[in-house]
């Protein structure tokens, strides 16, 4: 048995409540979903990797795919240093600023992945 995991926007602050659906821009025509505290998934892990690269000389984030308080603080720090609106929400403008310049990560996550079910789960 396989479990389908949708990586579109992750979970919002409440279970079952998706993060805002406004897509971000980006390379390859594929849009990144808006992420905020409470979001989870591969796009959040991608965001954490980008933040680790862009905020290279600051505290590094643990890449776990969970948008918690430390990721929120890093997003706000990046937004402030990039002269963006500081709101902790990663929308089109923040995604564009994060992805500008030499890409630290060459491939975005797929919108959907298939995760094999594990025994005993």
PDB file of N, CA and C in Angstrom:
ATOM      1  N   UNK A   1       0.840  -1.189   0.000  1.00  0.00           N
ATOM      2  CA  UNK A   1       0.000   0.000   0.000  1.00  0.00           C
ATOM      3  C   UNK A   1       0.882   1.247   0.000  1.00  0.00           C
ATOM      4  N   UNK A   2       0.466   2.258  -0.760  1.00  0.00           N
ATOM      5  CA  UNK A   2       1.223   3.498  -0.831  1.00  0.00           C
ATOM      6  C   UNK A   2       0.356   4.651  -0.377  1.00  0.00           C
ATOM      7  N   UNK A   3       0.996   5.637   0.240  1.00  0.00           N
ATOM      8  CA  UNK A   3       0.296   6.817   0.711  1.00  0.00           C
ATOM      9  C   UNK A   3       0.713   7.996  -0.138  1.00  0.00           C
ATOM     10  N   UNK A   4      -0.238   8.729  -0.670  1.00  0.00           N
ATOM     11  CA  UNK A   4       0.060   9.901  -1.480  1.00  0.00           C
ATOM     12  C   UNK A   4       0.171  11.102  -0.566  1.00  0.00           C
ATOM     13  N   UNK A   5       1.268  11.829  -0.703  1.00  0.00           N
ATOM     14  CA  UNK A   5       1.490  13.020   0.107  1.00  0.00           C
ATOM     15  C   UNK A   5       1.480  14.214  -0.817  1.00  0.00           C
ATOM     16  N   UNK A   6       0.520  15.116  -0.645  1.00  0.00           N
ATOM     17  CA  UNK A   6       0.446  16.327  -1.460  1.00  0.00           C
ATOM     18  C   UNK A   6       1.372  17.360  -0.865  1.00  0.00           C
ATOM     19  N   UNK A   7       2.300  17.862  -1.666  1.00  0.00           N
ATOM     20  CA  UNK A   7       3.271  18.841  -1.186  1.00  0.00           C
ATOM     21  C   UNK A   7       2.896  20.255  -1.612  1.00  0.00           C
ATOM     22  N   UNK A   8       1.649  20.487  -1.998  1.00  0.00           N
ATOM     23  CA  UNK A   8       1.229  21.786  -2.501  1.00  0.00           C
ATOM     24  C   UNK A   8       1.442  22.919  -1.532  1.00  0.00           C
ATOM     25  N   UNK A   9       0.878  22.871  -0.340  1.00  0.00           N
ATOM     26  CA  UNK A   9       1.003  23.999   0.557  1.00  0.00           C
ATOM     27  C   UNK A   9       1.290  23.606   1.977  1.00  0.00           C
ATOM     28  N   UNK A  10       1.205  22.330   2.275  1.00  0.00           N
ATOM     29  CA  UNK A  10       1.455  21.907   3.643  1.00  0.00           C
ATOM     30  C   UNK A  10       0.264  22.219   4.521  1.00  0.00           C
ATOM     31  N   UNK A  11       0.416  21.970   5.787  1.00  0.00           N
ATOM     32  CA  UNK A  11      -0.649  22.211   6.741  1.00  0.00           C
ATOM     33  C   UNK A  11      -0.537  23.620   7.277  1.00  0.00           C
ATOM     34  N   UNK A  12      -1.657  24.263   7.437  1.00  0.00           N
ATOM     35  CA  UNK A  12      -1.668  25.600   8.008  1.00  0.00           C
ATOM     36  C   UNK A  12      -1.703  25.510   9.517  1.00  0.00           C
ATOM     37  N   UNK A  13      -2.048  26.610  10.183  1.00  0.00           N
ATOM     38  CA  UNK A  13      -2.075  26.615  11.633  1.00  0.00           C
ATOM     39  C   UNK A  13      -3.038  25.601  12.236  1.00  0.00           C
ATOM     40  N   UNK A  14      -4.098  25.241  11.488  1.00  0.00           N
ATOM     41  CA  UNK A  14      -5.035  24.248  11.992  1.00  0.00           C
ATOM     42  C   UNK A  14      -4.956  23.026  11.090  1.00  0.00           C
ATOM     43  N   UNK A  15      -5.134  21.864  11.671  1.00  0.00           N
ATOM     44  CA  UNK A  15      -5.069  20.629  10.884  1.00  0.00           C
ATOM     45  C   UNK A  15      -6.124  20.670   9.783  1.00  0.00           C
ATOM     46  N   UNK A  16      -5.732  20.290   8.577  1.00  0.00           N
ATOM     47  CA  UNK A  16      -6.650  20.276   7.450  1.00  0.00           C
ATOM     48  C   UNK A  16      -6.859  21.625   6.800  1.00  0.00           C
ATOM     49  N   UNK A  17      -6.282  22.673   7.343  1.00  0.00           N
ATOM     50  CA  UNK A  17      -6.423  24.010   6.775  1.00  0.00           C
ATOM     51  C   UNK A  17      -5.171  24.316   5.969  1.00  0.00           C
ATOM     52  N   UNK A  18      -5.255  24.283   4.610  1.00  0.00           N
ATOM     53  CA  UNK A  18      -4.056  24.482   3.811  1.00  0.00           C
ATOM     54  C   UNK A  18      -3.522  25.896   3.943  1.00  0.00           C
ATOM     55  N   UNK A  19      -2.230  26.028   3.769  1.00  0.00           N
ATOM     56  CA  UNK A  19      -1.619  27.358   3.749  1.00  0.00           C
ATOM     57  C   UNK A  19      -2.194  28.098   2.556  1.00  0.00           C
ATOM     58  N   UNK A  20      -2.102  29.404   2.572  1.00  0.00           N
ATOM     59  CA  UNK A  20      -2.675  30.219   1.499  1.00  0.00           C
ATOM     60  C   UNK A  20      -2.228  29.690   0.146  1.00  0.00           C
ATOM     61  N   UNK A  21      -3.126  29.675  -0.809  1.00  0.00           N
ATOM     62  CA  UNK A  21      -2.840  29.072  -2.098  1.00  0.00           C
ATOM     63  C   UNK A  21      -2.216  29.996  -3.117  1.00  0.00           C
ATOM     64  N   UNK A  22      -1.806  31.183  -2.751  1.00  0.00           N
ATOM     65  CA  UNK A  22      -1.207  32.085  -3.713  1.00  0.00           C
ATOM     66  C   UNK A  22       0.159  31.566  -4.114  1.00  0.00           C
ATOM     67  N   UNK A  23       0.342  31.195  -5.374  1.00  0.00           N
ATOM     68  CA  UNK A  23       1.628  30.645  -5.772  1.00  0.00           C
ATOM     69  C   UNK A  23       2.697  31.707  -5.916  1.00  0.00           C
ATOM     70  N   UNK A  24       3.922  31.303  -5.671  1.00  0.00           N
ATOM     71  CA  UNK A  24       5.050  32.185  -5.906  1.00  0.00           C
ATOM     72  C   UNK A  24       5.545  31.996  -7.321  1.00  0.00           C
ATOM     73  N   UNK A  25       6.374  32.893  -7.781  1.00  0.00           N
ATOM     74  CA  UNK A  25       6.960  32.756  -9.104  1.00  0.00           C
ATOM     75  C   UNK A  25       8.156  31.846  -9.005  1.00  0.00           C
ATOM     76  N   UNK A  26       8.866  31.698 -10.082  1.00  0.00           N
ATOM     77  CA  UNK A  26      10.086  30.936  -9.964  1.00  0.00           C
ATOM     78  C   UNK A  26      10.564  30.353 -11.262  1.00  0.00           C
ATOM     79  N   UNK A  27      11.738  29.792 -11.214  1.00  0.00           N
ATOM     80  CA  UNK A  27      12.370  29.219 -12.390  1.00  0.00           C
ATOM     81  C   UNK A  27      11.587  28.027 -12.894  1.00  0.00           C
ATOM     82  N   UNK A  28      11.628  27.842 -14.179  1.00  0.00           N
ATOM     83  CA  UNK A  28      10.993  26.681 -14.767  1.00  0.00           C
ATOM     84  C   UNK A  28       9.483  26.783 -14.850  1.00  0.00           C
ATOM     85  N   UNK A  29       8.904  27.926 -14.519  1.00  0.00           N
ATOM     86  CA  UNK A  29       7.475  28.113 -14.615  1.00  0.00           C
ATOM     87  C   UNK A  29       6.681  27.453 -13.509  1.00  0.00           C
ATOM     88  N   UNK A  30       7.322  26.680 -12.661  1.00  0.00           N
ATOM     89  CA  UNK A  30       6.630  26.010 -11.573  1.00  0.00           C
ATOM     90  C   UNK A  30       6.505  26.988 -10.408  1.00  0.00           C
ATOM     91  N   UNK A  31       5.317  27.109  -9.861  1.00  0.00           N
ATOM     92  CA  UNK A  31       5.086  28.043  -8.772  1.00  0.00           C
ATOM     93  C   UNK A  31       5.281  27.365  -7.420  1.00  0.00           C
ATOM     94  N   UNK A  32       5.874  28.079  -6.493  1.00  0.00           N
ATOM     95  CA  UNK A  32       5.995  27.599  -5.116  1.00  0.00           C
ATOM     96  C   UNK A  32       4.777  28.075  -4.343  1.00  0.00           C
ATOM     97  N   UNK A  33       4.256  27.251  -3.452  1.00  0.00           N
ATOM     98  CA  UNK A  33       3.104  27.674  -2.659  1.00  0.00           C
ATOM     99  C   UNK A  33       3.517  28.677  -1.585  1.00  0.00           C
ATOM    100  N   UNK A  34       2.564  29.453  -1.135  1.00  0.00           N
ATOM    101  CA  UNK A  34       2.808  30.349  -0.008  1.00  0.00           C
ATOM    102  C   UNK A  34       2.982  29.499   1.241  1.00  0.00           C
ATOM    103  N   UNK A  35       4.028  29.787   2.000  1.00  0.00           N
ATOM    104  CA  UNK A  35       4.311  29.043   3.229  1.00  0.00           C
ATOM    105  C   UNK A  35       4.330  30.008   4.400  1.00  0.00           C
ATOM    106  N   UNK A  36       3.897  29.533   5.537  1.00  0.00           N
ATOM    107  CA  UNK A  36       3.900  30.322   6.773  1.00  0.00           C
ATOM    108  C   UNK A  36       4.027  29.374   7.944  1.00  0.00           C
ATOM    109  N   UNK A  37       4.150  29.930   9.131  1.00  0.00           N
ATOM    110  CA  UNK A  37       4.290  29.086  10.316  1.00  0.00           C
ATOM    111  C   UNK A  37       3.131  28.100  10.377  1.00  0.00           C
ATOM    112  N   UNK A  38       3.462  26.828  10.562  1.00  0.00           N
ATOM    113  CA  UNK A  38       2.472  25.757  10.573  1.00  0.00           C
ATOM    114  C   UNK A  38       2.491  24.926   9.301  1.00  0.00           C
ATOM    115  N   UNK A  39       3.063  25.469   8.205  1.00  0.00           N
ATOM    116  CA  UNK A  39       3.168  24.708   6.956  1.00  0.00           C
ATOM    117  C   UNK A  39       4.172  23.573   7.135  1.00  0.00           C
ATOM    118  N   UNK A  40       3.994  22.506   6.363  1.00  0.00           N
ATOM    119  CA  UNK A  40       4.900  21.363   6.414  1.00  0.00           C
ATOM    120  C   UNK A  40       5.056  20.791   5.017  1.00  0.00           C
ATOM    121  N   UNK A  41       6.170  20.107   4.772  1.00  0.00           N
ATOM    122  CA  UNK A  41       6.341  19.403   3.513  1.00  0.00           C
ATOM    123  C   UNK A  41       7.664  19.710   2.838  1.00  0.00           C
ATOM    124  N   UNK A  42       7.768  19.228   1.600  1.00  0.00           N
ATOM    125  CA  UNK A  42       9.003  19.375   0.851  1.00  0.00           C
ATOM    126  C   UNK A  42       9.317  20.822   0.503  1.00  0.00           C
ATOM    127  N   UNK A  43       8.284  21.643   0.267  1.00  0.00           N
ATOM    128  CA  UNK A  43       8.546  23.050  -0.031  1.00  0.00           C
ATOM    129  C   UNK A  43       9.117  23.772   1.176  1.00  0.00           C
ATOM    130  N   UNK A  44       8.709  23.387   2.361  1.00  0.00           N
ATOM    131  CA  UNK A  44       9.283  23.987   3.573  1.00  0.00           C
ATOM    132  C   UNK A  44      10.741  23.548   3.718  1.00  0.00           C
ATOM    133  N   UNK A  45      11.031  22.284   3.429  1.00  0.00           N
ATOM    134  CA  UNK A  45      12.426  21.815   3.463  1.00  0.00           C
ATOM    135  C   UNK A  45      13.259  22.570   2.426  1.00  0.00           C
ATOM    136  N   UNK A  46      12.697  22.782   1.246  1.00  0.00           N
ATOM    137  CA  UNK A  46      13.364  23.560   0.196  1.00  0.00           C
ATOM    138  C   UNK A  46      13.616  24.984   0.690  1.00  0.00           C
ATOM    139  N   UNK A  47      12.616  25.582   1.327  1.00  0.00           N
ATOM    140  CA  UNK A  47      12.746  26.914   1.913  1.00  0.00           C
ATOM    141  C   UNK A  47      13.857  26.941   2.955  1.00  0.00           C
ATOM    142  N   UNK A  48      13.889  25.949   3.830  1.00  0.00           N
ATOM    143  CA  UNK A  48      14.920  25.897   4.875  1.00  0.00           C
ATOM    144  C   UNK A  48      16.317  25.788   4.269  1.00  0.00           C
ATOM    145  N   UNK A  49      16.454  24.998   3.201  1.00  0.00           N
ATOM    146  CA  UNK A  49      17.741  24.913   2.513  1.00  0.00           C
ATOM    147  C   UNK A  49      18.133  26.260   1.911  1.00  0.00           C
ATOM    148  N   UNK A  50      17.185  26.933   1.270  1.00  0.00           N
ATOM    149  CA  UNK A  50      17.469  28.252   0.694  1.00  0.00           C
ATOM    150  C   UNK A  50      17.873  29.250   1.784  1.00  0.00           C
ATOM    151  N   UNK A  51      17.156  29.240   2.895  1.00  0.00           N
ATOM    152  CA  UNK A  51      17.491  30.156   3.992  1.00  0.00           C
ATOM    153  C   UNK A  51      18.871  29.857   4.553  1.00  0.00           C
ATOM    154  N   UNK A  52      19.205  28.582   4.698  1.00  0.00           N
ATOM    155  CA  UNK A  52      20.541  28.224   5.186  1.00  0.00           C
ATOM    156  C   UNK A  52      21.620  28.756   4.253  1.00  0.00           C
ATOM    157  N   UNK A  53      21.365  28.714   2.947  1.00  0.00           N
ATOM    158  CA  UNK A  53      22.344  29.219   1.988  1.00  0.00           C
ATOM    159  C   UNK A  53      22.397  30.747   2.009  1.00  0.00           C
ATOM    160  N   UNK A  54      21.251  31.377   2.028  1.00  0.00           N
ATOM    161  CA  UNK A  54      21.203  32.848   1.963  1.00  0.00           C
ATOM    162  C   UNK A  54      21.653  33.504   3.271  1.00  0.00           C
ATOM    163  N   UNK A  55      21.407  32.856   4.395  1.00  0.00           N
ATOM    164  CA  UNK A  55      21.815  33.392   5.700  1.00  0.00           C
ATOM    165  C   UNK A  55      23.023  32.600   6.194  1.00  0.00           C
ATOM    166  N   UNK A  56      23.951  32.397   5.324  1.00  0.00           N
ATOM    167  CA  UNK A  56      25.097  31.506   5.521  1.00  0.00           C
ATOM    168  C   UNK A  56      25.851  31.720   6.832  1.00  0.00           C
ATOM    169  N   UNK A  57      25.993  32.943   7.279  1.00  0.00           N
ATOM    170  CA  UNK A  57      26.825  33.213   8.454  1.00  0.00           C
ATOM    171  C   UNK A  57      26.001  33.333   9.733  1.00  0.00           C
ATOM    172  N   UNK A  58      24.758  32.943   9.681  1.00  0.00           N
ATOM    173  CA  UNK A  58      23.888  33.004  10.849  1.00  0.00           C
ATOM    174  C   UNK A  58      23.632  31.582  11.343  1.00  0.00           C
ATOM    175  N   UNK A  59      22.782  31.451  12.330  1.00  0.00           N
ATOM    176  CA  UNK A  59      22.429  30.110  12.839  1.00  0.00           C
ATOM    177  C   UNK A  59      21.734  29.317  11.736  1.00  0.00           C
ATOM    178  N   UNK A  60      22.175  28.114  11.540  1.00  0.00           N
ATOM    179  CA  UNK A  60      21.583  27.274  10.500  1.00  0.00           C
ATOM    180  C   UNK A  60      20.318  26.603  11.011  1.00  0.00           C
ATOM    181  N   UNK A  61      19.387  26.425  10.088  1.00  0.00           N
ATOM    182  CA  UNK A  61      18.135  25.746  10.418  1.00  0.00           C
ATOM    183  C   UNK A  61      18.296  24.246  10.245  1.00  0.00           C
ATOM    184  N   UNK A  62      17.604  23.489  11.058  1.00  0.00           N
ATOM    185  CA  UNK A  62      17.510  22.051  10.875  1.00  0.00           C
ATOM    186  C   UNK A  62      16.488  21.832   9.758  1.00  0.00           C
ATOM    187  N   UNK A  63      16.862  21.145   8.701  1.00  0.00           N
ATOM    188  CA  UNK A  63      15.971  20.935   7.558  1.00  0.00           C
ATOM    189  C   UNK A  63      15.084  19.735   7.854  1.00  0.00           C
ATOM    190  N   UNK A  64      13.883  20.036   8.369  1.00  0.00           N
ATOM    191  CA  UNK A  64      12.945  18.981   8.745  1.00  0.00           C
ATOM    192  C   UNK A  64      11.599  19.108   8.041  1.00  0.00           C
ATOM    193  N   UNK A  65      11.433  20.168   7.224  1.00  0.00           N
ATOM    194  CA  UNK A  65      10.176  20.345   6.511  1.00  0.00           C
ATOM    195  C   UNK A  65       9.045  20.865   7.362  1.00  0.00           C
ATOM    196  N   UNK A  66       9.357  21.376   8.547  1.00  0.00           N
ATOM    197  CA  UNK A  66       8.340  21.923   9.450  1.00  0.00           C
ATOM    198  C   UNK A  66       8.622  23.412   9.648  1.00  0.00           C
ATOM    199  N   UNK A  67       7.670  24.250   9.304  1.00  0.00           N
ATOM    200  CA  UNK A  67       7.811  25.697   9.418  1.00  0.00           C
ATOM    201  C   UNK A  67       7.414  26.092  10.846  1.00  0.00           C
ATOM    202  N   UNK A  68       8.401  26.079  11.720  1.00  0.00           N
ATOM    203  CA  UNK A  68       8.181  26.417  13.122  1.00  0.00           C
ATOM    204  C   UNK A  68       8.742  27.784  13.457  1.00  0.00           C
ATOM    205  N   UNK A  69       8.904  28.085  14.743  1.00  0.00           N
ATOM    206  CA  UNK A  69       9.368  29.409  15.180  1.00  0.00           C
ATOM    207  C   UNK A  69      10.760  29.781  14.664  1.00  0.00           C
ATOM    208  N   UNK A  70      11.678  28.821  14.561  1.00  0.00           N
ATOM    209  CA  UNK A  70      13.027  29.142  14.076  1.00  0.00           C
ATOM    210  C   UNK A  70      13.020  29.461  12.587  1.00  0.00           C
ATOM    211  N   UNK A  71      12.222  28.717  11.820  1.00  0.00           N
ATOM    212  CA  UNK A  71      12.101  29.017  10.391  1.00  0.00           C
ATOM    213  C   UNK A  71      11.433  30.376  10.214  1.00  0.00           C
ATOM    214  N   UNK A  72      10.421  30.661  11.023  1.00  0.00           N
ATOM    215  CA  UNK A  72       9.744  31.956  10.973  1.00  0.00           C
ATOM    216  C   UNK A  72      10.733  33.093  11.254  1.00  0.00           C
ATOM    217  N   UNK A  73      11.565  32.933  12.266  1.00  0.00           N
ATOM    218  CA  UNK A  73      12.557  33.964  12.603  1.00  0.00           C
ATOM    219  C   UNK A  73      13.558  34.149  11.460  1.00  0.00           C
ATOM    220  N   UNK A  74      13.971  33.039  10.835  1.00  0.00           N
ATOM    221  CA  UNK A  74      14.916  33.124   9.723  1.00  0.00           C
ATOM    222  C   UNK A  74      14.269  33.810   8.515  1.00  0.00           C
ATOM    223  N   UNK A  75      13.005  33.500   8.240  1.00  0.00           N
ATOM    224  CA  UNK A  75      12.289  34.148   7.136  1.00  0.00           C
ATOM    225  C   UNK A  75      12.215  35.648   7.389  1.00  0.00           C
ATOM    226  N   UNK A  76      11.866  36.042   8.609  1.00  0.00           N
ATOM    227  CA  UNK A  76      11.758  37.471   8.937  1.00  0.00           C
ATOM    228  C   UNK A  76      13.114  38.172   8.811  1.00  0.00           C
ATOM    229  N   UNK A  77      14.179  37.508   9.246  1.00  0.00           N
ATOM    230  CA  UNK A  77      15.525  38.065   9.117  1.00  0.00           C
ATOM    231  C   UNK A  77      15.888  38.239   7.642  1.00  0.00           C
ATOM    232  N   UNK A  78      15.590  37.232   6.832  1.00  0.00           N
ATOM    233  CA  UNK A  78      15.858  37.331   5.403  1.00  0.00           C
ATOM    234  C   UNK A  78      15.045  38.447   4.774  1.00  0.00           C
ATOM    235  N   UNK A  79      13.749  38.523   5.116  1.00  0.00           N
ATOM    236  CA  UNK A  79      12.891  39.575   4.566  1.00  0.00           C
ATOM    237  C   UNK A  79      13.421  40.955   4.935  1.00  0.00           C
ATOM    238  N   UNK A  80      13.849  41.119   6.181  1.00  0.00           N
ATOM    239  CA  UNK A  80      14.375  42.408   6.618  1.00  0.00           C
ATOM    240  C   UNK A  80      15.650  42.744   5.847  1.00  0.00           C
ATOM    241  N   UNK A  81      16.562  41.782   5.718  1.00  0.00           N
ATOM    242  CA  UNK A  81      17.831  42.041   5.037  1.00  0.00           C
ATOM    243  C   UNK A  81      17.638  42.261   3.534  1.00  0.00           C
ATOM    244  N   UNK A  82      16.531  41.753   2.980  1.00  0.00           N
ATOM    245  CA  UNK A  82      16.242  41.919   1.548  1.00  0.00           C
ATOM    246  C   UNK A  82      15.299  43.086   1.287  1.00  0.00           C
ATOM    247  N   UNK A  83      14.953  43.806   2.330  1.00  0.00           N
ATOM    248  CA  UNK A  83      14.051  44.965   2.235  1.00  0.00           C
ATOM    249  C   UNK A  83      12.683  44.590   1.662  1.00  0.00           C
ATOM    250  N   UNK A  84      12.183  43.469   2.127  1.00  0.00           N
ATOM    251  CA  UNK A  84      10.844  43.007   1.771  1.00  0.00           C
ATOM    252  C   UNK A  84       9.908  43.293   2.937  1.00  0.00           C
ATOM    253  N   UNK A  85       8.615  43.105   2.706  1.00  0.00           N
ATOM    254  CA  UNK A  85       7.661  43.225   3.804  1.00  0.00           C
ATOM    255  C   UNK A  85       7.965  42.126   4.813  1.00  0.00           C
ATOM    256  N   UNK A  86       8.197  42.508   6.072  1.00  0.00           N
ATOM    257  CA  UNK A  86       8.551  41.554   7.126  1.00  0.00           C
ATOM    258  C   UNK A  86       7.265  41.071   7.788  1.00  0.00           C
ATOM    259  N   UNK A  87       6.808  39.880   7.334  1.00  0.00           N
ATOM    260  CA  UNK A  87       5.574  39.321   7.881  1.00  0.00           C
ATOM    261  C   UNK A  87       5.689  37.829   8.190  1.00  0.00           C
ATOM    262  N   UNK A  88       6.831  37.225   7.856  1.00  0.00           N
ATOM    263  CA  UNK A  88       7.018  35.803   8.125  1.00  0.00           C
ATOM    264  C   UNK A  88       6.306  34.889   7.154  1.00  0.00           C
ATOM    265  N   UNK A  89       5.675  35.466   6.128  1.00  0.00           N
ATOM    266  CA  UNK A  89       4.964  34.685   5.124  1.00  0.00           C
ATOM    267  C   UNK A  89       5.827  34.632   3.864  1.00  0.00           C
ATOM    268  N   UNK A  90       6.059  33.434   3.357  1.00  0.00           N
ATOM    269  CA  UNK A  90       6.879  33.270   2.154  1.00  0.00           C
ATOM    270  C   UNK A  90       5.932  33.187   0.958  1.00  0.00           C
ATOM    271  N   UNK A  91       5.727  34.354   0.349  1.00  0.00           N
ATOM    272  CA  UNK A  91       4.885  34.474  -0.841  1.00  0.00           C
ATOM    273  C   UNK A  91       5.739  34.722  -2.065  1.00  0.00           C
ATOM    274  N   UNK A  92       5.143  35.199  -3.145  1.00  0.00           N
ATOM    275  CA  UNK A  92       5.866  35.383  -4.404  1.00  0.00           C
ATOM    276  C   UNK A  92       7.120  36.254  -4.298  1.00  0.00           C
ATOM    277  N   UNK A  93       7.049  37.371  -3.585  1.00  0.00           N
ATOM    278  CA  UNK A  93       8.206  38.269  -3.490  1.00  0.00           C
ATOM    279  C   UNK A  93       9.353  37.620  -2.707  1.00  0.00           C
ATOM    280  N   UNK A  94       9.025  36.926  -1.624  1.00  0.00           N
ATOM    281  CA  UNK A  94      10.066  36.280  -0.818  1.00  0.00           C
ATOM    282  C   UNK A  94      10.676  35.103  -1.576  1.00  0.00           C
ATOM    283  N   UNK A  95       9.837  34.298  -2.253  1.00  0.00           N
ATOM    284  CA  UNK A  95      10.376  33.199  -3.055  1.00  0.00           C
ATOM    285  C   UNK A  95      11.318  33.744  -4.125  1.00  0.00           C
ATOM    286  N   UNK A  96      10.912  34.829  -4.805  1.00  0.00           N
ATOM    287  CA  UNK A  96      11.743  35.395  -5.877  1.00  0.00           C
ATOM    288  C   UNK A  96      13.094  35.853  -5.331  1.00  0.00           C
ATOM    289  N   UNK A  97      13.091  36.505  -4.164  1.00  0.00           N
ATOM    290  CA  UNK A  97      14.342  36.972  -3.564  1.00  0.00           C
ATOM    291  C   UNK A  97      15.212  35.800  -3.120  1.00  0.00           C
ATOM    292  N   UNK A  98      14.597  34.760  -2.571  1.00  0.00           N
ATOM    293  CA  UNK A  98      15.355  33.586  -2.134  1.00  0.00           C
ATOM    294  C   UNK A  98      15.993  32.858  -3.315  1.00  0.00           C
ATOM    295  N   UNK A  99      15.273  32.803  -4.440  1.00  0.00           N
ATOM    296  CA  UNK A  99      15.766  32.058  -5.589  1.00  0.00           C
ATOM    297  C   UNK A  99      16.644  32.891  -6.519  1.00  0.00           C
ATOM    298  N   UNK A 100      16.800  34.175  -6.233  1.00  0.00           N
ATOM    299  CA  UNK A 100      17.639  35.034  -7.065  1.00  0.00           C
ATOM    300  C   UNK A 100      19.113  34.703  -6.846  1.00  0.00           C
ATOM    301  N   UNK A 101      19.917  34.937  -7.867  1.00  0.00           N
ATOM    302  CA  UNK A 101      21.349  34.701  -7.738  1.00  0.00           C
ATOM    303  C   UNK A 101      21.716  33.267  -8.024  1.00  0.00           C
ATOM    304  N   UNK A 102      22.951  32.893  -7.695  1.00  0.00           N
ATOM    305  CA  UNK A 102      23.378  31.523  -7.958  1.00  0.00           C
ATOM    306  C   UNK A 102      22.539  30.546  -7.145  1.00  0.00           C
ATOM    307  N   UNK A 103      21.936  29.571  -7.796  1.00  0.00           N
ATOM    308  CA  UNK A 103      21.049  28.662  -7.063  1.00  0.00           C
ATOM    309  C   UNK A 103      21.820  27.681  -6.189  1.00  0.00           C
ATOM    310  N   UNK A 104      21.553  27.681  -4.883  1.00  0.00           N
ATOM    311  CA  UNK A 104      22.170  26.703  -4.007  1.00  0.00           C
ATOM    312  C   UNK A 104      21.557  25.321  -4.201  1.00  0.00           C
ATOM    313  N   UNK A 105      20.308  25.283  -4.693  1.00  0.00           N
ATOM    314  CA  UNK A 105      19.593  24.037  -4.911  1.00  0.00           C
ATOM    315  C   UNK A 105      19.058  24.100  -6.327  1.00  0.00           C
ATOM    316  N   UNK A 106      19.304  23.090  -7.113  1.00  0.00           N
ATOM    317  CA  UNK A 106      18.964  23.147  -8.524  1.00  0.00           C
ATOM    318  C   UNK A 106      17.579  22.621  -8.840  1.00  0.00           C
ATOM    319  N   UNK A 107      17.005  21.833  -7.975  1.00  0.00           N
ATOM    320  CA  UNK A 107      15.736  21.204  -8.303  1.00  0.00           C
ATOM    321  C   UNK A 107      14.736  21.419  -7.175  1.00  0.00           C
ATOM    322  N   UNK A 108      13.567  21.882  -7.549  1.00  0.00           N
ATOM    323  CA  UNK A 108      12.481  22.016  -6.582  1.00  0.00           C
ATOM    324  C   UNK A 108      11.837  20.655  -6.372  1.00  0.00           C
ATOM    325  N   UNK A 109      11.127  20.521  -5.260  1.00  0.00           N
ATOM    326  CA  UNK A 109      10.415  19.259  -5.035  1.00  0.00           C
ATOM    327  C   UNK A 109       9.236  19.120  -5.993  1.00  0.00           C
ATOM    328  N   UNK A 110       8.844  17.885  -6.240  1.00  0.00           N
ATOM    329  CA  UNK A 110       7.659  17.615  -7.062  1.00  0.00           C
ATOM    330  C   UNK A 110       6.432  18.018  -6.280  1.00  0.00           C
ATOM    331  N   UNK A 111       5.349  18.317  -6.991  1.00  0.00           N
ATOM    332  CA  UNK A 111       4.116  18.688  -6.304  1.00  0.00           C
ATOM    333  C   UNK A 111       3.543  17.520  -5.503  1.00  0.00           C
ATOM    334  N   UNK A 112       3.747  16.322  -5.993  1.00  0.00           N
ATOM    335  CA  UNK A 112       3.232  15.135  -5.296  1.00  0.00           C
ATOM    336  C   UNK A 112       4.334  14.090  -5.267  1.00  0.00           C
ATOM    337  N   UNK A 113       4.378  13.359  -4.198  1.00  0.00           N
ATOM    338  CA  UNK A 113       5.297  12.231  -4.125  1.00  0.00           C
ATOM    339  C   UNK A 113       4.521  11.023  -3.615  1.00  0.00           C
ATOM    340  N   UNK A 114       5.017   9.865  -3.933  1.00  0.00           N
ATOM    341  CA  UNK A 114       4.423   8.624  -3.433  1.00  0.00           C
ATOM    342  C   UNK A 114       5.346   8.089  -2.362  1.00  0.00           C
ATOM    343  N   UNK A 115       4.809   7.907  -1.173  1.00  0.00           N
ATOM    344  CA  UNK A 115       5.585   7.401  -0.052  1.00  0.00           C
ATOM    345  C   UNK A 115       5.084   6.005   0.265  1.00  0.00           C
ATOM    346  N   UNK A 116       5.962   4.996   0.150  1.00  0.00           N
ATOM    347  CA  UNK A 116       5.508   3.645   0.478  1.00  0.00           C
ATOM    348  C   UNK A 116       5.152   3.555   1.970  1.00  0.00           C
ATOM    349  N   UNK A 117       4.065   2.875   2.239  1.00  0.00           N
ATOM    350  CA  UNK A 117       3.667   2.673   3.635  1.00  0.00           C
ATOM    351  C   UNK A 117       4.659   1.746   4.299  1.00  0.00           C
ATOM    352  N   UNK A 118       4.971   2.028   5.554  1.00  0.00           N
ATOM    353  CA  UNK A 118       5.909   1.178   6.294  1.00  0.00           C
ATOM    354  C   UNK A 118       5.137   0.197   7.166  1.00  0.00           C
ATOM    355  N   UNK A 119       5.731  -0.925   7.400  1.00  0.00           N
ATOM    356  CA  UNK A 119       5.107  -1.944   8.248  1.00  0.00           C
ATOM    357  C   UNK A 119       4.956  -1.404   9.663  1.00  0.00           C
ATOM    358  N   UNK A 120       3.820  -1.623  10.240  1.00  0.00           N
ATOM    359  CA  UNK A 120       3.586  -1.197  11.618  1.00  0.00           C
ATOM    360  C   UNK A 120       3.155   0.246  11.744  1.00  0.00           C
ATOM    361  N   UNK A 121       2.947   0.928  10.609  1.00  0.00           N
ATOM    362  CA  UNK A 121       2.551   2.334  10.672  1.00  0.00           C
ATOM    363  C   UNK A 121       1.063   2.481  10.764  1.00  0.00           C
TER     364      UNK A 121
END
